[in-house]
Amino acid sequence: MSRHKNPPEPWKSFLDSVDGMLTGAVELHCFGGFVVTQMYGLARTTSDIDFISLVPDHWRTQLVEIAGKGSDLHRTYGLYLDPVTVVTPPEDYETRLTPMYDGVWKRLRLLALEAHDVALTKLERNFERDRTDIQQLAAAGLLQASLLRARYQHELRPYLARAEWHDATLQLWLESYFPPD
C-alpha cells in the first residue's frame, strides 16, 4: 500500500545499503514521520525511520550499529534508523501492520502502523509536529474520530500512566481536528 513501488532518494539508497549489510531477515514495525510521509502522503520532513519493534529482536544492536544515529550510513546519507522505546502502541497494532515497499529488499522488510495506530503513538509526546500530523491525517480523511476514540479506550488507555492526562489530550484532538458528529 506504499504510495510508490520504491522509496524516493536518498531513502532508497540508504535502505538498499542497510539490506546489503544484513546477514539475516529483519522486519521493522515503523511509525512516525517516515510512515506519515511515505505511507500516508503527508508533506513534512524527517531524517529517520522510527520503529517500535523488530523481528527478530536480537538484531536490534547490530541494526543500530549498521544504520543508527552516528553510524557510517547516517554520516553518508544523513538518515538513520531510530529504535523508539518511549512510546506505547495500541495493544493489537501488529494485526493491522501494512507492508511498505514489499519485495524491494532481500532481507529488510518495513511494516507501517495503520493511521489510527500512528496517531495514538503520538498521544504521549504530543509535540507540535505530532499535532500537525494528526491534523493532516484527519484532514486527508485517514482518521475517523469514533475509531480513534474506541481504539484509545480499548487498546491504549489501560496501559498508560496518567490516563486522565491523555484523556484530555485526545479530547482536545477530537475537538480540534474533527468536525462535530
N, C-alpha and C. Protein backbone atom coordinates (compact mmCIF):
# COMPACT_ATOMS: atom_id res chain seq x y z
N MET A 1 0.81 -1.19 0.00
CA MET A 1 0.00 0.00 0.00
C MET A 1 0.85 1.26 0.00
N SER A 2 2.16 1.13 0.05
CA SER A 2 3.00 2.32 -0.02
C SER A 2 2.61 3.13 -1.24
N ARG A 3 2.81 4.41 -1.14
CA ARG A 3 2.39 5.30 -2.22
C ARG A 3 3.17 5.05 -3.51
N HIS A 4 4.36 4.47 -3.42
CA HIS A 4 5.19 4.21 -4.59
C HIS A 4 5.82 2.82 -4.45
N LYS A 5 6.28 2.26 -5.56
CA LYS A 5 6.92 0.95 -5.52
C LYS A 5 8.24 0.99 -4.76
N ASN A 6 8.99 2.08 -4.91
CA ASN A 6 10.27 2.26 -4.21
C ASN A 6 10.26 3.58 -3.47
N PRO A 7 10.98 3.65 -2.36
CA PRO A 7 11.08 4.94 -1.68
C PRO A 7 11.90 5.92 -2.52
N PRO A 8 11.67 7.21 -2.34
CA PRO A 8 12.47 8.19 -3.08
C PRO A 8 13.89 8.23 -2.53
N GLU A 9 14.78 8.79 -3.31
CA GLU A 9 16.15 9.01 -2.83
C GLU A 9 16.15 10.16 -1.83
N PRO A 10 17.02 10.14 -0.85
CA PRO A 10 18.09 9.18 -0.60
C PRO A 10 17.64 7.93 0.18
N TRP A 11 16.33 7.85 0.51
CA TRP A 11 15.85 6.70 1.27
C TRP A 11 16.17 5.37 0.58
N LYS A 12 15.96 5.31 -0.73
CA LYS A 12 16.18 4.05 -1.46
C LYS A 12 17.62 3.57 -1.29
N SER A 13 18.58 4.46 -1.54
CA SER A 13 19.99 4.07 -1.42
C SER A 13 20.35 3.70 0.01
N PHE A 14 19.84 4.46 0.97
CA PHE A 14 20.08 4.18 2.38
C PHE A 14 19.56 2.78 2.73
N LEU A 15 18.32 2.50 2.38
CA LEU A 15 17.72 1.21 2.73
C LEU A 15 18.34 0.08 1.93
N ASP A 16 18.74 0.32 0.69
CA ASP A 16 19.50 -0.69 -0.07
C ASP A 16 20.78 -1.04 0.67
N SER A 17 21.46 -0.03 1.20
CA SER A 17 22.71 -0.26 1.94
C SER A 17 22.45 -1.05 3.22
N VAL A 18 21.39 -0.70 3.93
CA VAL A 18 21.04 -1.45 5.15
C VAL A 18 20.80 -2.91 4.79
N ASP A 19 19.99 -3.14 3.77
CA ASP A 19 19.67 -4.50 3.34
C ASP A 19 20.94 -5.27 2.98
N GLY A 20 21.85 -4.62 2.28
CA GLY A 20 23.08 -5.27 1.87
C GLY A 20 24.01 -5.62 3.02
N MET A 21 23.86 -4.96 4.15
CA MET A 21 24.72 -5.23 5.30
C MET A 21 24.12 -6.25 6.27
N LEU A 22 22.86 -6.56 6.11
CA LEU A 22 22.22 -7.55 6.98
C LEU A 22 22.61 -8.96 6.56
N THR A 23 22.72 -9.83 7.53
CA THR A 23 23.06 -11.23 7.24
C THR A 23 21.87 -12.16 7.46
N GLY A 24 20.74 -11.56 7.85
CA GLY A 24 19.51 -12.33 8.05
C GLY A 24 18.31 -11.43 7.88
N ALA A 25 17.13 -12.03 7.81
CA ALA A 25 15.90 -11.28 7.61
C ALA A 25 15.55 -10.44 8.85
N VAL A 26 15.13 -9.20 8.61
CA VAL A 26 14.72 -8.28 9.67
C VAL A 26 13.44 -7.58 9.24
N GLU A 27 12.49 -7.54 10.16
CA GLU A 27 11.21 -6.87 9.93
C GLU A 27 11.10 -5.72 10.92
N LEU A 28 10.90 -4.50 10.42
CA LEU A 28 10.75 -3.32 11.28
C LEU A 28 9.30 -2.89 11.33
N HIS A 29 8.78 -2.62 12.53
CA HIS A 29 7.44 -2.10 12.71
C HIS A 29 7.58 -0.57 12.84
N CYS A 30 7.29 0.12 11.75
CA CYS A 30 7.60 1.55 11.61
C CYS A 30 6.40 2.45 11.89
N PHE A 31 6.70 3.65 12.36
CA PHE A 31 5.69 4.68 12.60
C PHE A 31 6.40 6.02 12.47
N GLY A 32 5.80 7.09 12.88
CA GLY A 32 6.46 8.39 12.88
C GLY A 32 6.48 9.06 11.51
N GLY A 33 7.39 10.03 11.38
CA GLY A 33 7.46 10.87 10.19
C GLY A 33 7.67 10.12 8.90
N PHE A 34 8.50 9.09 8.91
CA PHE A 34 8.73 8.32 7.69
C PHE A 34 7.43 7.70 7.20
N VAL A 35 6.66 7.13 8.12
CA VAL A 35 5.40 6.49 7.74
C VAL A 35 4.38 7.52 7.28
N VAL A 36 4.25 8.63 8.01
CA VAL A 36 3.23 9.61 7.59
C VAL A 36 3.57 10.25 6.25
N THR A 37 4.85 10.33 5.90
CA THR A 37 5.20 10.89 4.59
C THR A 37 5.15 9.84 3.50
N GLN A 38 5.76 8.68 3.72
CA GLN A 38 5.89 7.67 2.68
C GLN A 38 4.62 6.83 2.50
N MET A 39 3.93 6.55 3.58
CA MET A 39 2.75 5.68 3.51
C MET A 39 1.46 6.48 3.32
N TYR A 40 1.39 7.61 4.02
CA TYR A 40 0.14 8.36 4.04
C TYR A 40 0.21 9.69 3.29
N GLY A 41 1.37 10.01 2.72
CA GLY A 41 1.47 11.14 1.81
C GLY A 41 1.48 12.53 2.41
N LEU A 42 1.75 12.65 3.71
CA LEU A 42 1.80 13.98 4.31
C LEU A 42 3.09 14.68 3.90
N ALA A 43 2.99 15.99 3.78
CA ALA A 43 4.16 16.79 3.40
C ALA A 43 4.86 17.27 4.67
N ARG A 44 5.97 16.65 4.98
CA ARG A 44 6.83 17.09 6.08
C ARG A 44 8.17 16.40 5.93
N THR A 45 9.15 16.92 6.62
CA THR A 45 10.49 16.34 6.50
C THR A 45 10.80 15.46 7.70
N THR A 46 11.65 14.49 7.46
CA THR A 46 12.15 13.63 8.52
C THR A 46 13.46 13.04 8.04
N SER A 47 14.32 12.70 8.98
CA SER A 47 15.61 12.10 8.61
C SER A 47 15.82 10.75 9.27
N ASP A 48 14.74 10.19 9.85
CA ASP A 48 14.88 8.90 10.49
C ASP A 48 13.67 8.02 10.22
N ILE A 49 13.85 6.75 10.47
CA ILE A 49 12.75 5.79 10.45
C ILE A 49 12.60 5.32 11.88
N ASP A 50 11.52 5.77 12.52
CA ASP A 50 11.21 5.32 13.87
C ASP A 50 10.61 3.94 13.78
N PHE A 51 11.05 3.05 14.67
CA PHE A 51 10.42 1.74 14.73
C PHE A 51 10.21 1.33 16.17
N ILE A 52 9.06 0.69 16.39
CA ILE A 52 8.66 0.24 17.73
C ILE A 52 9.34 -1.06 18.07
N SER A 53 9.35 -1.96 17.11
CA SER A 53 9.98 -3.25 17.35
C SER A 53 10.53 -3.80 16.06
N LEU A 54 11.33 -4.83 16.21
CA LEU A 54 11.83 -5.53 15.05
C LEU A 54 11.79 -7.02 15.33
N VAL A 55 11.66 -7.77 14.26
CA VAL A 55 11.57 -9.22 14.37
C VAL A 55 12.65 -9.80 13.47
N PRO A 56 13.54 -10.61 14.01
CA PRO A 56 13.70 -10.95 15.42
C PRO A 56 14.42 -9.83 16.19
N ASP A 57 14.09 -9.72 17.46
CA ASP A 57 14.60 -8.62 18.28
C ASP A 57 16.11 -8.67 18.49
N HIS A 58 16.73 -9.85 18.38
CA HIS A 58 18.17 -9.94 18.63
C HIS A 58 18.99 -9.15 17.61
N TRP A 59 18.36 -8.63 16.54
CA TRP A 59 19.06 -7.81 15.54
C TRP A 59 19.19 -6.34 15.98
N ARG A 60 18.53 -5.95 17.04
CA ARG A 60 18.48 -4.53 17.44
C ARG A 60 19.87 -3.90 17.54
N THR A 61 20.77 -4.50 18.27
CA THR A 61 22.11 -3.92 18.45
C THR A 61 22.85 -3.81 17.13
N GLN A 62 22.83 -4.88 16.32
CA GLN A 62 23.52 -4.84 15.04
C GLN A 62 22.90 -3.81 14.10
N LEU A 63 21.58 -3.71 14.10
CA LEU A 63 20.90 -2.75 13.22
C LEU A 63 21.25 -1.31 13.59
N VAL A 64 21.31 -1.03 14.87
CA VAL A 64 21.68 0.32 15.31
C VAL A 64 23.13 0.61 14.95
N GLU A 65 24.01 -0.38 15.08
CA GLU A 65 25.41 -0.19 14.67
C GLU A 65 25.52 0.08 13.17
N ILE A 66 24.74 -0.64 12.38
CA ILE A 66 24.77 -0.50 10.92
C ILE A 66 24.17 0.83 10.47
N ALA A 67 23.00 1.19 11.04
CA ALA A 67 22.25 2.30 10.46
C ALA A 67 21.65 3.26 11.48
N GLY A 68 22.08 3.18 12.72
CA GLY A 68 21.56 4.08 13.74
C GLY A 68 22.22 5.44 13.69
N LYS A 69 21.79 6.31 14.57
CA LYS A 69 22.35 7.66 14.67
C LYS A 69 23.85 7.57 14.95
N GLY A 70 24.65 8.28 14.16
CA GLY A 70 26.09 8.27 14.31
C GLY A 70 26.81 7.18 13.53
N SER A 71 26.07 6.28 12.88
CA SER A 71 26.69 5.19 12.11
C SER A 71 27.30 5.74 10.82
N ASP A 72 28.09 4.91 10.16
CA ASP A 72 28.65 5.30 8.86
C ASP A 72 27.55 5.62 7.86
N LEU A 73 26.48 4.80 7.85
CA LEU A 73 25.37 5.08 6.92
C LEU A 73 24.68 6.40 7.25
N HIS A 74 24.56 6.72 8.52
CA HIS A 74 23.98 8.00 8.91
C HIS A 74 24.84 9.15 8.38
N ARG A 75 26.14 9.02 8.54
CA ARG A 75 27.04 10.07 8.05
C ARG A 75 27.01 10.17 6.52
N THR A 76 26.85 9.05 5.84
CA THR A 76 26.83 9.03 4.37
C THR A 76 25.54 9.63 3.82
N TYR A 77 24.39 9.21 4.37
CA TYR A 77 23.09 9.59 3.79
C TYR A 77 22.35 10.67 4.57
N GLY A 78 22.78 10.94 5.80
CA GLY A 78 22.04 11.89 6.64
C GLY A 78 20.73 11.32 7.15
N LEU A 79 20.57 10.00 7.08
CA LEU A 79 19.37 9.29 7.50
C LEU A 79 19.77 8.21 8.49
N TYR A 80 18.84 7.79 9.32
CA TYR A 80 19.17 6.74 10.28
C TYR A 80 17.92 6.01 10.75
N LEU A 81 18.11 4.83 11.30
CA LEU A 81 17.06 4.05 11.92
C LEU A 81 17.04 4.38 13.41
N ASP A 82 15.84 4.57 13.97
CA ASP A 82 15.71 5.00 15.35
C ASP A 82 14.80 4.04 16.12
N PRO A 83 15.38 3.19 16.97
CA PRO A 83 14.56 2.27 17.77
C PRO A 83 13.92 3.03 18.94
N VAL A 84 12.68 3.41 18.81
CA VAL A 84 12.00 4.22 19.83
C VAL A 84 11.46 3.29 20.91
N THR A 85 11.82 3.59 22.15
CA THR A 85 11.41 2.74 23.26
C THR A 85 10.49 3.47 24.24
N VAL A 86 10.20 4.73 24.00
CA VAL A 86 9.39 5.50 24.93
C VAL A 86 8.00 5.80 24.37
N VAL A 87 7.46 4.88 23.63
CA VAL A 87 6.13 5.05 23.05
C VAL A 87 5.30 3.81 23.38
N THR A 88 4.02 4.02 23.60
CA THR A 88 3.12 2.91 23.87
C THR A 88 2.18 2.75 22.68
N PRO A 89 2.34 1.68 21.92
CA PRO A 89 1.43 1.46 20.79
C PRO A 89 0.13 0.81 21.26
N PRO A 90 -0.93 0.91 20.48
CA PRO A 90 -2.16 0.20 20.82
C PRO A 90 -1.90 -1.31 20.89
N GLU A 91 -2.64 -1.97 21.74
CA GLU A 91 -2.41 -3.38 22.05
C GLU A 91 -2.35 -4.27 20.81
N ASP A 92 -3.26 -4.15 19.89
CA ASP A 92 -3.34 -5.07 18.75
C ASP A 92 -2.77 -4.47 17.46
N TYR A 93 -1.86 -3.50 17.55
CA TYR A 93 -1.35 -2.84 16.35
C TYR A 93 -0.75 -3.83 15.35
N GLU A 94 -0.14 -4.91 15.85
CA GLU A 94 0.53 -5.86 14.95
C GLU A 94 -0.44 -6.52 13.96
N THR A 95 -1.71 -6.63 14.34
CA THR A 95 -2.70 -7.24 13.44
C THR A 95 -3.05 -6.32 12.28
N ARG A 96 -2.65 -5.05 12.37
CA ARG A 96 -3.01 -4.07 11.34
C ARG A 96 -1.80 -3.54 10.57
N LEU A 97 -0.64 -4.11 10.77
CA LEU A 97 0.56 -3.66 10.06
C LEU A 97 0.40 -3.84 8.55
N THR A 98 0.94 -2.89 7.79
CA THR A 98 0.86 -2.93 6.33
C THR A 98 2.27 -2.88 5.76
N PRO A 99 2.59 -3.79 4.82
CA PRO A 99 3.92 -3.76 4.20
C PRO A 99 4.17 -2.46 3.44
N MET A 100 5.39 -1.96 3.56
CA MET A 100 5.84 -0.80 2.78
C MET A 100 6.92 -1.30 1.82
N TYR A 101 6.78 -0.97 0.57
CA TYR A 101 7.78 -1.34 -0.44
C TYR A 101 8.06 -2.85 -0.41
N ASP A 102 6.99 -3.60 -0.34
CA ASP A 102 7.11 -5.05 -0.20
C ASP A 102 7.89 -5.65 -1.37
N GLY A 103 8.85 -6.50 -1.03
CA GLY A 103 9.63 -7.22 -2.03
C GLY A 103 10.79 -6.45 -2.63
N VAL A 104 11.05 -5.24 -2.16
CA VAL A 104 12.14 -4.43 -2.72
C VAL A 104 13.50 -4.94 -2.24
N TRP A 105 13.58 -5.41 -1.00
CA TRP A 105 14.86 -5.84 -0.44
C TRP A 105 14.85 -7.33 -0.13
N LYS A 106 16.02 -7.92 -0.08
CA LYS A 106 16.14 -9.35 0.19
C LYS A 106 15.93 -9.67 1.67
N ARG A 107 16.49 -8.86 2.54
CA ARG A 107 16.47 -9.18 3.97
C ARG A 107 15.63 -8.20 4.80
N LEU A 108 15.50 -6.98 4.36
CA LEU A 108 14.81 -5.93 5.11
C LEU A 108 13.35 -5.86 4.71
N ARG A 109 12.48 -5.82 5.70
CA ARG A 109 11.05 -5.66 5.45
C ARG A 109 10.52 -4.58 6.38
N LEU A 110 9.89 -3.56 5.77
CA LEU A 110 9.30 -2.47 6.54
C LEU A 110 7.79 -2.65 6.61
N LEU A 111 7.25 -2.57 7.81
CA LEU A 111 5.81 -2.65 8.02
C LEU A 111 5.37 -1.37 8.71
N ALA A 112 4.31 -0.76 8.21
CA ALA A 112 3.82 0.51 8.75
C ALA A 112 2.62 0.29 9.65
N LEU A 113 2.58 1.07 10.73
CA LEU A 113 1.40 1.09 11.56
C LEU A 113 0.25 1.73 10.79
N GLU A 114 -0.95 1.25 11.02
CA GLU A 114 -2.16 1.81 10.44
C GLU A 114 -2.31 3.25 10.96
N ALA A 115 -2.98 4.12 10.22
CA ALA A 115 -3.03 5.56 10.52
C ALA A 115 -3.54 5.86 11.93
N HIS A 116 -4.57 5.17 12.41
CA HIS A 116 -5.08 5.42 13.77
C HIS A 116 -4.04 5.00 14.82
N ASP A 117 -3.32 3.92 14.53
CA ASP A 117 -2.27 3.46 15.45
C ASP A 117 -1.11 4.45 15.47
N VAL A 118 -0.75 4.98 14.30
CA VAL A 118 0.29 6.03 14.24
C VAL A 118 -0.15 7.20 15.10
N ALA A 119 -1.39 7.63 14.93
CA ALA A 119 -1.90 8.78 15.71
C ALA A 119 -1.79 8.51 17.20
N LEU A 120 -2.18 7.33 17.63
CA LEU A 120 -2.16 7.04 19.06
C LEU A 120 -0.75 6.94 19.63
N THR A 121 0.24 6.59 18.80
CA THR A 121 1.62 6.58 19.30
C THR A 121 2.11 8.00 19.59
N LYS A 122 1.45 8.99 19.02
CA LYS A 122 1.85 10.38 19.19
C LYS A 122 1.19 11.04 20.41
N LEU A 123 0.27 10.35 21.01
CA LEU A 123 -0.51 10.92 22.11
C LEU A 123 0.35 11.27 23.33
N GLU A 124 1.24 10.39 23.72
CA GLU A 124 2.04 10.62 24.93
C GLU A 124 2.97 11.81 24.78
N ARG A 125 3.61 11.93 23.62
CA ARG A 125 4.57 13.02 23.42
C ARG A 125 3.85 14.32 23.11
N ASN A 126 2.93 14.30 22.14
CA ASN A 126 2.09 15.43 21.80
C ASN A 126 2.85 16.71 21.49
N PHE A 127 3.96 16.59 20.78
CA PHE A 127 4.70 17.77 20.32
C PHE A 127 3.92 18.45 19.21
N GLU A 128 4.34 19.66 18.86
CA GLU A 128 3.66 20.40 17.80
C GLU A 128 3.62 19.60 16.50
N ARG A 129 4.73 18.96 16.13
CA ARG A 129 4.73 18.18 14.88
C ARG A 129 3.80 16.98 14.96
N ASP A 130 3.61 16.44 16.17
CA ASP A 130 2.66 15.35 16.36
C ASP A 130 1.23 15.84 16.11
N ARG A 131 0.91 16.99 16.68
CA ARG A 131 -0.42 17.56 16.49
C ARG A 131 -0.66 17.91 15.02
N THR A 132 0.38 18.41 14.34
CA THR A 132 0.27 18.71 12.91
C THR A 132 0.02 17.44 12.12
N ASP A 133 0.71 16.37 12.46
CA ASP A 133 0.48 15.08 11.78
C ASP A 133 -0.96 14.62 11.97
N ILE A 134 -1.49 14.72 13.19
CA ILE A 134 -2.86 14.30 13.47
C ILE A 134 -3.83 15.16 12.66
N GLN A 135 -3.60 16.45 12.67
CA GLN A 135 -4.47 17.37 11.93
C GLN A 135 -4.47 17.02 10.44
N GLN A 136 -3.29 16.77 9.87
CA GLN A 136 -3.20 16.46 8.44
C GLN A 136 -3.79 15.07 8.12
N LEU A 137 -3.56 14.10 8.97
CA LEU A 137 -4.16 12.78 8.75
C LEU A 137 -5.68 12.86 8.79
N ALA A 138 -6.21 13.64 9.73
CA ALA A 138 -7.66 13.82 9.83
C ALA A 138 -8.19 14.57 8.61
N ALA A 139 -7.52 15.64 8.21
CA ALA A 139 -7.96 16.43 7.05
C ALA A 139 -7.93 15.61 5.77
N ALA A 140 -7.01 14.66 5.68
CA ALA A 140 -6.90 13.80 4.49
C ALA A 140 -7.93 12.67 4.51
N GLY A 141 -8.73 12.58 5.57
CA GLY A 141 -9.74 11.54 5.67
C GLY A 141 -9.19 10.19 6.09
N LEU A 142 -7.97 10.17 6.63
CA LEU A 142 -7.33 8.92 7.03
C LEU A 142 -7.63 8.51 8.46
N LEU A 143 -8.28 9.41 9.21
CA LEU A 143 -8.65 9.10 10.59
C LEU A 143 -10.14 9.33 10.78
N GLN A 144 -10.75 8.46 11.56
CA GLN A 144 -12.14 8.62 11.96
C GLN A 144 -12.16 8.82 13.47
N ALA A 145 -12.84 9.86 13.92
CA ALA A 145 -12.87 10.19 15.35
C ALA A 145 -13.38 9.02 16.18
N SER A 146 -14.44 8.37 15.74
CA SER A 146 -15.03 7.28 16.53
C SER A 146 -14.05 6.10 16.66
N LEU A 147 -13.35 5.77 15.59
CA LEU A 147 -12.38 4.66 15.65
C LEU A 147 -11.17 5.05 16.51
N LEU A 148 -10.71 6.28 16.39
CA LEU A 148 -9.59 6.74 17.20
C LEU A 148 -9.95 6.66 18.69
N ARG A 149 -11.13 7.14 19.03
CA ARG A 149 -11.59 7.11 20.42
C ARG A 149 -11.73 5.67 20.92
N ALA A 150 -12.35 4.80 20.13
CA ALA A 150 -12.56 3.40 20.54
C ALA A 150 -11.23 2.67 20.72
N ARG A 151 -10.35 2.85 19.78
CA ARG A 151 -9.05 2.16 19.87
C ARG A 151 -8.27 2.67 21.09
N TYR A 152 -8.35 3.97 21.33
CA TYR A 152 -7.71 4.53 22.53
C TYR A 152 -8.27 3.88 23.79
N GLN A 153 -9.60 3.84 23.91
CA GLN A 153 -10.24 3.31 25.12
C GLN A 153 -9.92 1.84 25.36
N HIS A 154 -9.91 1.05 24.29
CA HIS A 154 -9.79 -0.40 24.45
C HIS A 154 -8.37 -0.94 24.33
N GLU A 155 -7.52 -0.26 23.56
CA GLU A 155 -6.20 -0.82 23.26
C GLU A 155 -5.02 -0.01 23.79
N LEU A 156 -5.28 1.20 24.27
CA LEU A 156 -4.15 2.01 24.73
C LEU A 156 -4.33 2.50 26.16
N ARG A 157 -5.46 3.08 26.48
CA ARG A 157 -5.69 3.69 27.79
C ARG A 157 -5.35 2.75 28.96
N PRO A 158 -5.73 1.47 28.90
CA PRO A 158 -5.43 0.59 30.04
C PRO A 158 -3.94 0.45 30.35
N TYR A 159 -3.07 0.84 29.43
CA TYR A 159 -1.63 0.65 29.61
C TYR A 159 -0.88 1.95 29.88
N LEU A 160 -1.60 3.06 29.98
CA LEU A 160 -0.95 4.35 30.15
C LEU A 160 -0.91 4.78 31.61
N ALA A 161 0.22 5.31 32.01
CA ALA A 161 0.28 6.04 33.27
C ALA A 161 -0.36 7.40 32.99
N ARG A 162 -0.92 8.02 33.97
CA ARG A 162 -1.55 9.34 33.82
C ARG A 162 -2.64 9.33 32.73
N ALA A 163 -3.49 8.33 32.78
CA ALA A 163 -4.53 8.17 31.75
C ALA A 163 -5.42 9.40 31.63
N GLU A 164 -5.73 10.05 32.74
CA GLU A 164 -6.60 11.23 32.69
C GLU A 164 -5.95 12.34 31.87
N TRP A 165 -4.66 12.48 31.97
CA TRP A 165 -3.92 13.47 31.18
C TRP A 165 -4.09 13.19 29.69
N HIS A 166 -3.92 11.92 29.32
CA HIS A 166 -4.05 11.52 27.92
C HIS A 166 -5.49 11.58 27.44
N ASP A 167 -6.45 11.35 28.35
CA ASP A 167 -7.86 11.53 28.00
C ASP A 167 -8.09 12.96 27.54
N ALA A 168 -7.53 13.91 28.28
CA ALA A 168 -7.71 15.33 27.95
C ALA A 168 -7.04 15.67 26.61
N THR A 169 -5.86 15.11 26.37
CA THR A 169 -5.17 15.36 25.10
C THR A 169 -5.99 14.82 23.94
N LEU A 170 -6.47 13.60 24.05
CA LEU A 170 -7.28 13.01 22.99
C LEU A 170 -8.54 13.84 22.76
N GLN A 171 -9.19 14.26 23.83
CA GLN A 171 -10.40 15.08 23.69
C GLN A 171 -10.10 16.39 22.96
N LEU A 172 -8.98 17.01 23.26
CA LEU A 172 -8.57 18.23 22.57
C LEU A 172 -8.36 17.96 21.07
N TRP A 173 -7.70 16.84 20.74
CA TRP A 173 -7.51 16.47 19.33
C TRP A 173 -8.85 16.29 18.64
N LEU A 174 -9.76 15.56 19.30
CA LEU A 174 -11.06 15.29 18.69
C LEU A 174 -11.83 16.58 18.44
N GLU A 175 -11.79 17.49 19.38
CA GLU A 175 -12.49 18.77 19.23
C GLU A 175 -11.82 19.67 18.19
N SER A 176 -10.50 19.60 18.09
CA SER A 176 -9.76 20.50 17.20
C SER A 176 -9.67 20.02 15.76
N TYR A 177 -9.58 18.73 15.54
CA TYR A 177 -9.24 18.22 14.21
C TYR A 177 -10.36 17.47 13.50
N PHE A 178 -11.49 17.27 14.18
CA PHE A 178 -12.59 16.54 13.58
C PHE A 178 -13.87 17.37 13.67
N PRO A 179 -14.67 17.38 12.64
CA PRO A 179 -15.94 18.10 12.72
C PRO A 179 -16.86 17.42 13.73
N PRO A 180 -17.77 18.18 14.35
CA PRO A 180 -18.69 17.57 15.32
C PRO A 180 -19.52 16.47 14.66
N ASP A 181 -19.81 15.41 15.43
CA ASP A 181 -20.61 14.29 14.90
C ASP A 181 -22.04 14.70 14.65
